[in-house]
PDB file of N, CA and C in Angstrom:
ATOM      1  N   MET A   1      77.153  64.507 122.923  1.00  0.00           N
ATOM      2  CA  MET A   1      77.361  63.427 121.973  1.00  0.00           C
ATOM      3  C   MET A   1      77.242  63.946 120.547  1.00  0.00           C
ATOM      4  N   ASN A   2      76.177  64.726 120.267  1.00  0.00           N
ATOM      5  CA  ASN A   2      75.997  65.269 118.924  1.00  0.00           C
ATOM      6  C   ASN A   2      77.151  66.177 118.531  1.00  0.00           C
ATOM      7  N   ARG A   3      77.682  66.931 119.479  1.00  0.00           N
ATOM      8  CA  ARG A   3      78.813  67.823 119.188  1.00  0.00           C
ATOM      9  C   ARG A   3      80.042  67.031 118.795  1.00  0.00           C
ATOM     10  N   ILE A   4      80.238  65.888 119.430  1.00  0.00           N
ATOM     11  CA  ILE A   4      81.382  65.038 119.112  1.00  0.00           C
ATOM     12  C   ILE A   4      81.228  64.480 117.695  1.00  0.00           C
ATOM     13  N   ILE A   5      80.040  64.007 117.380  1.00  0.00           N
ATOM     14  CA  ILE A   5      79.792  63.456 116.043  1.00  0.00           C
ATOM     15  C   ILE A   5      79.984  64.544 114.995  1.00  0.00           C
ATOM     16  N   LEU A   6      79.460  65.731 115.253  1.00  0.00           N
ATOM     17  CA  LEU A   6      79.611  66.837 114.316  1.00  0.00           C
ATOM     18  C   LEU A   6      81.080  67.198 114.153  1.00  0.00           C
ATOM     19  N   ALA A   7      81.808  67.248 115.245  1.00  0.00           N
ATOM     20  CA  ALA A   7      83.232  67.595 115.182  1.00  0.00           C
ATOM     21  C   ALA A   7      84.013  66.583 114.367  1.00  0.00           C
ATOM     22  N   VAL A   8      83.721  65.314 114.551  1.00  0.00           N
ATOM     23  CA  VAL A   8      84.405  64.262 113.793  1.00  0.00           C
ATOM     24  C   VAL A   8      84.060  64.371 112.306  1.00  0.00           C
ATOM     25  N   ALA A   9      82.772  64.545 112.012  1.00  0.00           N
ATOM     26  CA  ALA A   9      82.340  64.663 110.618  1.00  0.00           C
ATOM     27  C   ALA A   9      82.982  65.880 109.960  1.00  0.00           C
ATOM     28  N   LEU A  10      83.021  66.984 110.671  1.00  0.00           N
ATOM     29  CA  LEU A  10      83.611  68.188 110.107  1.00  0.00           C
ATOM     30  C   LEU A  10      85.111  68.046 109.906  1.00  0.00           C
ATOM     31  N   SER A  11      85.777  67.387 110.822  1.00  0.00           N
ATOM     32  CA  SER A  11      87.218  67.219 110.656  1.00  0.00           C
ATOM     33  C   SER A  11      87.534  66.301 109.483  1.00  0.00           C
ATOM     34  N   VAL A  12      86.722  65.267 109.285  1.00  0.00           N
ATOM     35  CA  VAL A  12      86.911  64.374 108.131  1.00  0.00           C
ATOM     36  C   VAL A  12      86.666  65.153 106.851  1.00  0.00           C
ATOM     37  N   PHE A  13      85.588  65.941 106.825  1.00  0.00           N
ATOM     38  CA  PHE A  13      85.279  66.737 105.645  1.00  0.00           C
ATOM     39  C   PHE A  13      86.389  67.748 105.395  1.00  0.00           C
ATOM     40  N   ALA A  14      86.843  68.418 106.426  1.00  0.00           N
ATOM     41  CA  ALA A  14      87.891  69.424 106.273  1.00  0.00           C
ATOM     42  C   ALA A  14      89.174  68.805 105.731  1.00  0.00           C
ATOM     43  N   ALA A  15      89.491  67.615 106.184  1.00  0.00           N
ATOM     44  CA  ALA A  15      90.689  66.935 105.683  1.00  0.00           C
ATOM     45  C   ALA A  15      90.550  66.619 104.200  1.00  0.00           C
ATOM     46  N   GLN A  16      89.367  66.175 103.788  1.00  0.00           N
ATOM     47  CA  GLN A  16      89.140  65.869 102.379  1.00  0.00           C
ATOM     48  C   GLN A  16      89.207  67.147 101.554  1.00  0.00           C
ATOM     49  N   VAL A  17      88.543  68.197 102.028  1.00  0.00           N
ATOM     50  CA  VAL A  17      88.486  69.443 101.280  1.00  0.00           C
ATOM     51  C   VAL A  17      89.855  70.100 101.215  1.00  0.00           C
ATOM     52  N   SER A  18      90.608  70.041 102.318  1.00  0.00           N
ATOM     53  CA  SER A  18      91.917  70.681 102.299  1.00  0.00           C
ATOM     54  C   SER A  18      92.844  70.010 101.299  1.00  0.00           C
ATOM     55  N   ALA A  19      92.658  68.736 101.088  1.00  0.00           N
ATOM     56  CA  ALA A  19      93.490  68.022 100.129  1.00  0.00           C
ATOM     57  C   ALA A  19      93.044  68.330  98.704  1.00  0.00           C
ATOM     58  N   GLU A  20      91.749  68.362  98.460  1.00  0.00           N
ATOM     59  CA  GLU A  20      91.230  68.586  97.126  1.00  0.00           C
ATOM     60  C   GLU A  20      89.899  69.331  97.203  1.00  0.00           C
ATOM     61  N   SER A  21      89.677  70.193  96.238  1.00  0.00           N
ATOM     62  CA  SER A  21      88.404  70.895  96.185  1.00  0.00           C
ATOM     63  C   SER A  21      87.335  69.978  95.600  1.00  0.00           C
ATOM     64  N   CYS A  22      86.087  70.385  95.731  1.00  0.00           N
ATOM     65  CA  CYS A  22      84.975  69.616  95.177  1.00  0.00           C
ATOM     66  C   CYS A  22      85.147  69.442  93.674  1.00  0.00           C
ATOM     67  N   VAL A  23      85.567  70.506  93.004  1.00  0.00           N
ATOM     68  CA  VAL A  23      85.763  70.454  91.551  1.00  0.00           C
ATOM     69  C   VAL A  23      86.849  69.430  91.208  1.00  0.00           C
ATOM     70  N   ALA A  24      87.939  69.448  91.963  1.00  0.00           N
ATOM     71  CA  ALA A  24      89.037  68.515  91.701  1.00  0.00           C
ATOM     72  C   ALA A  24      88.596  67.067  91.919  1.00  0.00           C
ATOM     73  N   VAL A  25      87.825  66.828  92.965  1.00  0.00           N
ATOM     74  CA  VAL A  25      87.344  65.473  93.245  1.00  0.00           C
ATOM     75  C   VAL A  25      86.393  65.020  92.146  1.00  0.00           C
ATOM     76  N   ALA A  26      85.514  65.916  91.695  1.00  0.00           N
ATOM     77  CA  ALA A  26      84.574  65.574  90.622  1.00  0.00           C
ATOM     78  C   ALA A  26      85.332  65.217  89.342  1.00  0.00           C
ATOM     79  N   LYS A  27      86.382  65.978  89.041  1.00  0.00           N
ATOM     80  CA  LYS A  27      87.188  65.685  87.846  1.00  0.00           C
ATOM     81  C   LYS A  27      87.921  64.361  88.013  1.00  0.00           C
ATOM     82  N   GLU A  28      88.464  64.144  89.205  1.00  0.00           N
ATOM     83  CA  GLU A  28      89.201  62.906  89.486  1.00  0.00           C
ATOM     84  C   GLU A  28      88.294  61.690  89.324  1.00  0.00           C
ATOM     85  N   LYS A  29      87.035  61.841  89.768  1.00  0.00           N
ATOM     86  CA  LYS A  29      86.072  60.741  89.659  1.00  0.00           C
ATOM     87  C   LYS A  29      85.426  60.684  88.278  1.00  0.00           C
ATOM     88  N   LYS A  30      85.786  61.645  87.414  1.00  0.00           N
ATOM     89  CA  LYS A  30      85.265  61.719  86.054  1.00  0.00           C
ATOM     90  C   LYS A  30      83.736  61.772  86.038  1.00  0.00           C
ATOM     91  N   LEU A  31      83.187  62.604  86.936  1.00  0.00           N
ATOM     92  CA  LEU A  31      81.744  62.764  87.008  1.00  0.00           C
ATOM     93  C   LEU A  31      81.275  63.723  85.916  1.00  0.00           C
ATOM     94  N   ALA A  32      80.074  63.473  85.418  1.00  0.00           N
ATOM     95  CA  ALA A  32      79.486  64.343  84.400  1.00  0.00           C
ATOM     96  C   ALA A  32      77.972  64.322  84.543  1.00  0.00           C
ATOM     97  N   GLY A  33      77.336  65.327  83.979  1.00  0.00           N
ATOM     98  CA  GLY A  33      75.877  65.370  83.963  1.00  0.00           C
ATOM     99  C   GLY A  33      75.262  65.420  85.345  1.00  0.00           C
ATOM    100  N   ALA A  34      74.216  64.630  85.511  1.00  0.00           N
ATOM    101  CA  ALA A  34      73.452  64.621  86.764  1.00  0.00           C
ATOM    102  C   ALA A  34      74.309  64.170  87.949  1.00  0.00           C
ATOM    103  N   ALA A  35      75.198  63.226  87.727  1.00  0.00           N
ATOM    104  CA  ALA A  35      76.056  62.745  88.818  1.00  0.00           C
ATOM    105  C   ALA A  35      76.958  63.873  89.317  1.00  0.00           C
ATOM    106  N   GLN A  36      77.497  64.643  88.386  1.00  0.00           N
ATOM    107  CA  GLN A  36      78.365  65.760  88.764  1.00  0.00           C
ATOM    108  C   GLN A  36      77.562  66.839  89.494  1.00  0.00           C
ATOM    109  N   THR A  37      76.390  67.157  88.982  1.00  0.00           N
ATOM    110  CA  THR A  37      75.538  68.163  89.601  1.00  0.00           C
ATOM    111  C   THR A  37      75.178  67.763  91.021  1.00  0.00           C
ATOM    112  N   SER A  38      74.779  66.512  91.203  1.00  0.00           N
ATOM    113  CA  SER A  38      74.411  66.006  92.515  1.00  0.00           C
ATOM    114  C   SER A  38      75.603  66.049  93.471  1.00  0.00           C
ATOM    115  N   PHE A  39      76.750  65.593  92.995  1.00  0.00           N
ATOM    116  CA  PHE A  39      77.964  65.590  93.817  1.00  0.00           C
ATOM    117  C   PHE A  39      78.330  67.008  94.241  1.00  0.00           C
ATOM    118  N   MET A  40      78.287  67.945  93.299  1.00  0.00           N
ATOM    119  CA  MET A  40      78.679  69.318  93.590  1.00  0.00           C
ATOM    120  C   MET A  40      77.723  69.962  94.598  1.00  0.00           C
ATOM    121  N   LYS A  41      76.425  69.705  94.464  1.00  0.00           N
ATOM    122  CA  LYS A  41      75.460  70.259  95.418  1.00  0.00           C
ATOM    123  C   LYS A  41      75.723  69.718  96.815  1.00  0.00           C
ATOM    124  N   LYS A  42      75.966  68.412  96.922  1.00  0.00           N
ATOM    125  CA  LYS A  42      76.227  67.784  98.227  1.00  0.00           C
ATOM    126  C   LYS A  42      77.541  68.301  98.805  1.00  0.00           C
ATOM    127  N   CYS A  43      78.542  68.384  97.967  1.00  0.00           N
ATOM    128  CA  CYS A  43      79.853  68.837  98.420  1.00  0.00           C
ATOM    129  C   CYS A  43      79.773  70.290  98.905  1.00  0.00           C
ATOM    130  N   GLU A  44      79.078  71.145  98.164  1.00  0.00           N
ATOM    131  CA  GLU A  44      78.932  72.541  98.575  1.00  0.00           C
ATOM    132  C   GLU A  44      78.132  72.651  99.871  1.00  0.00           C
ATOM    133  N   SER A  45      77.095  71.841  99.993  1.00  0.00           N
ATOM    134  CA  SER A  45      76.286  71.843 101.208  1.00  0.00           C
ATOM    135  C   SER A  45      77.121  71.407 102.411  1.00  0.00           C
ATOM    136  N   ASP A  46      77.912  70.361 102.233  1.00  0.00           N
ATOM    137  CA  ASP A  46      78.787  69.889 103.312  1.00  0.00           C
ATOM    138  C   ASP A  46      79.830  70.948 103.668  1.00  0.00           C
ATOM    139  N   ALA A  47      80.361  71.612 102.645  1.00  0.00           N
ATOM    140  CA  ALA A  47      81.360  72.659 102.869  1.00  0.00           C
ATOM    141  C   ALA A  47      80.746  73.805 103.662  1.00  0.00           C
ATOM    142  N   LYS A  48      79.526  74.198 103.289  1.00  0.00           N
ATOM    143  CA  LYS A  48      78.869  75.305 103.985  1.00  0.00           C
ATOM    144  C   LYS A  48      78.643  74.959 105.453  1.00  0.00           C
ATOM    145  N   ALA A  49      78.208  73.731 105.719  1.00  0.00           N
ATOM    146  CA  ALA A  49      77.988  73.310 107.108  1.00  0.00           C
ATOM    147  C   ALA A  49      79.299  73.345 107.888  1.00  0.00           C
ATOM    148  N   ALA A  50      80.361  72.847 107.286  1.00  0.00           N
ATOM    149  CA  ALA A  50      81.662  72.834 107.956  1.00  0.00           C
ATOM    150  C   ALA A  50      82.165  74.253 108.190  1.00  0.00           C
ATOM    151  N   CYS A  51      81.966  75.119 107.217  1.00  0.00           N
ATOM    152  CA  CYS A  51      82.425  76.501 107.336  1.00  0.00           C
ATOM    153  C   CYS A  51      81.611  77.266 108.382  1.00  0.00           C
ATOM    154  N   GLN A  52      80.319  77.010 108.442  1.00  0.00           N
ATOM    155  CA  GLN A  52      79.487  77.647 109.464  1.00  0.00           C
ATOM    156  C   GLN A  52      79.914  77.192 110.857  1.00  0.00           C
ATOM    157  N   ALA A  53      80.210  75.913 110.987  1.00  0.00           N
ATOM    158  CA  ALA A  53      80.679  75.402 112.280  1.00  0.00           C
ATOM    159  C   ALA A  53      82.018  76.023 112.648  1.00  0.00           C
ATOM    160  N   SER A  54      82.874  76.204 111.659  1.00  0.00           N
ATOM    161  CA  SER A  54      84.169  76.821 111.885  1.00  0.00           C
ATOM    162  C   SER A  54      84.001  78.261 112.362  1.00  0.00           C
ATOM    163  N   ALA A  55      83.090  78.992 111.722  1.00  0.00           N
ATOM    164  CA  ALA A  55      82.831  80.383 112.128  1.00  0.00           C
ATOM    165  C   ALA A  55      82.295  80.435 113.553  1.00  0.00           C
ATOM    166  N   LYS A  56      81.417  79.497 113.874  1.00  0.00           N
ATOM    167  CA  LYS A  56      80.853  79.447 115.223  1.00  0.00           C
ATOM    168  C   LYS A  56      81.946  79.124 116.242  1.00  0.00           C
ATOM    169  N   GLU A  57      82.801  78.174 115.911  1.00  0.00           N
ATOM    170  CA  GLU A  57      83.895  77.780 116.797  1.00  0.00           C
ATOM    171  C   GLU A  57      84.847  78.953 117.036  1.00  0.00           C
ATOM    172  N   MET A  58      85.028  79.771 115.987  1.00  0.00           N
ATOM    173  CA  MET A  58      85.908  80.938 116.090  1.00  0.00           C
ATOM    174  C   MET A  58      85.193  82.134 116.724  1.00  0.00           C
ATOM    175  N   LYS A  59      83.906  81.925 117.081  1.00  0.00           N
ATOM    176  CA  LYS A  59      83.080  82.952 117.709  1.00  0.00           C
ATOM    177  C   LYS A  59      82.943  84.198 116.832  1.00  0.00           C
ATOM    178  N   LEU A  60      82.814  83.969 115.519  1.00  0.00           N
ATOM    179  CA  LEU A  60      82.617  85.072 114.589  1.00  0.00           C
ATOM    180  C   LEU A  60      81.126  85.362 114.474  1.00  0.00           C
ATOM    181  N   SER A  61      80.792  86.615 114.203  1.00  0.00           N
ATOM    182  CA  SER A  61      79.393  86.976 113.986  1.00  0.00           C
ATOM    183  C   SER A  61      79.326  88.103 112.979  1.00  0.00           C
ATOM    184  N   GLY A  62      78.141  88.334 112.462  1.00  0.00           N
ATOM    185  CA  GLY A  62      77.915  89.425 111.529  1.00  0.00           C
ATOM    186  C   GLY A  62      78.737  89.304 110.262  1.00  0.00           C
ATOM    187  N   ALA A  63      79.293  90.437 109.839  1.00  0.00           N
ATOM    188  CA  ALA A  63      80.046  90.502 108.591  1.00  0.00           C
ATOM    189  C   ALA A  63      81.284  89.601 108.619  1.00  0.00           C
ATOM    190  N   ALA A  64      81.917  89.487 109.774  1.00  0.00           N
ATOM    191  CA  ALA A  64      83.111  88.644 109.877  1.00  0.00           C
ATOM    192  C   ALA A  64      82.757  87.187 109.622  1.00  0.00           C
ATOM    193  N   ALA A  65      81.645  86.736 110.177  1.00  0.00           N
ATOM    194  CA  ALA A  65      81.213  85.355 109.971  1.00  0.00           C
ATOM    195  C   ALA A  65      80.836  85.127 108.514  1.00  0.00           C
ATOM    196  N   THR A  66      80.088  86.066 107.940  1.00  0.00           N
ATOM    197  CA  THR A  66      79.671  85.948 106.541  1.00  0.00           C
ATOM    198  C   THR A  66      80.883  85.891 105.622  1.00  0.00           C
ATOM    199  N   SER A  67      81.840  86.757 105.845  1.00  0.00           N
ATOM    200  CA  SER A  67      83.052  86.790 105.037  1.00  0.00           C
ATOM    201  C   SER A  67      83.825  85.477 105.158  1.00  0.00           C
ATOM    202  N   HIS A  68      83.980  85.005 106.385  1.00  0.00           N
ATOM    203  CA  HIS A  68      84.694  83.754 106.617  1.00  0.00           C
ATOM    204  C   HIS A  68      83.993  82.588 105.914  1.00  0.00           C
ATOM    205  N   ILE A  69      82.688  82.503 106.062  1.00  0.00           N
ATOM    206  CA  ILE A  69      81.922  81.402 105.469  1.00  0.00           C
ATOM    207  C   ILE A  69      82.016  81.448 103.946  1.00  0.00           C
ATOM    208  N   ASN A  70      81.846  82.634 103.362  1.00  0.00           N
ATOM    209  CA  ASN A  70      81.902  82.750 101.901  1.00  0.00           C
ATOM    210  C   ASN A  70      83.270  82.330 101.358  1.00  0.00           C
ATOM    211  N   LYS A  71      84.349  82.788 102.001  1.00  0.00           N
ATOM    212  CA  LYS A  71      85.691  82.429 101.531  1.00  0.00           C
ATOM    213  C   LYS A  71      85.954  80.940 101.736  1.00  0.00           C
ATOM    214  N   CYS A  72      85.540  80.436 102.877  1.00  0.00           N
ATOM    215  CA  CYS A  72      85.739  79.034 103.196  1.00  0.00           C
ATOM    216  C   CYS A  72      85.032  78.128 102.181  1.00  0.00           C
ATOM    217  N   VAL A  73      83.783  78.451 101.870  1.00  0.00           N
ATOM    218  CA  VAL A  73      83.014  77.649 100.909  1.00  0.00           C
ATOM    219  C   VAL A  73      83.646  77.758  99.523  1.00  0.00           C
ATOM    220  N   LYS A  74      84.024  78.958  99.121  1.00  0.00           N
ATOM    221  CA  LYS A  74      84.654  79.152  97.809  1.00  0.00           C
ATOM    222  C   LYS A  74      85.926  78.320  97.695  1.00  0.00           C
ATOM    223  N   ASP A  75      86.747  78.336  98.744  1.00  0.00           N
ATOM    224  CA  ASP A  75      87.983  77.554  98.738  1.00  0.00           C
ATOM    225  C   ASP A  75      87.699  76.055  98.682  1.00  0.00           C
ATOM    226  N   ALA A  76      86.673  75.619  99.400  1.00  0.00           N
ATOM    227  CA  ALA A  76      86.352  74.190  99.449  1.00  0.00           C
ATOM    228  C   ALA A  76      85.785  73.690  98.130  1.00  0.00           C
ATOM    229  N   VAL A  77      84.960  74.512  97.497  1.00  0.00           N
ATOM    230  CA  VAL A  77      84.328  74.100  96.240  1.00  0.00           C
ATOM    231  C   VAL A  77      85.337  74.158  95.097  1.00  0.00           C
ATOM    232  N   GLY A  78      86.165  75.141  95.098  1.00  0.00           N
ATOM    233  CA  GLY A  78      87.168  75.272  94.042  1.00  0.00           C
ATOM    234  C   GLY A  78      86.586  75.898  92.794  1.00  0.00           C
ATOM    235  N   GLY A  79      87.354  75.887  91.753  1.00  0.00           N
ATOM    236  CA  GLY A  79      86.832  76.526  90.554  1.00  0.00           C
ATOM    237  C   GLY A  79      87.636  76.334  89.337  1.00  0.00           C
TER     238      GLY A  79
END
């Protein structure tokens, strides 16, 4: 049951992130100051969780997993 919930949450997050990065969403919502900081921390945390799950699903480990997670998070957060 927990795996299903996680999979659904990750797919929803992935769909949002694939459409727009965290930075783009923050700009679109015209966030600034503490609201922007809070949003970015949450968005990055969610991205990291989704990317870690993706690496696990792909059965990556070691340097390959680290590389995948770092690139995935960077792409999701934007810049």
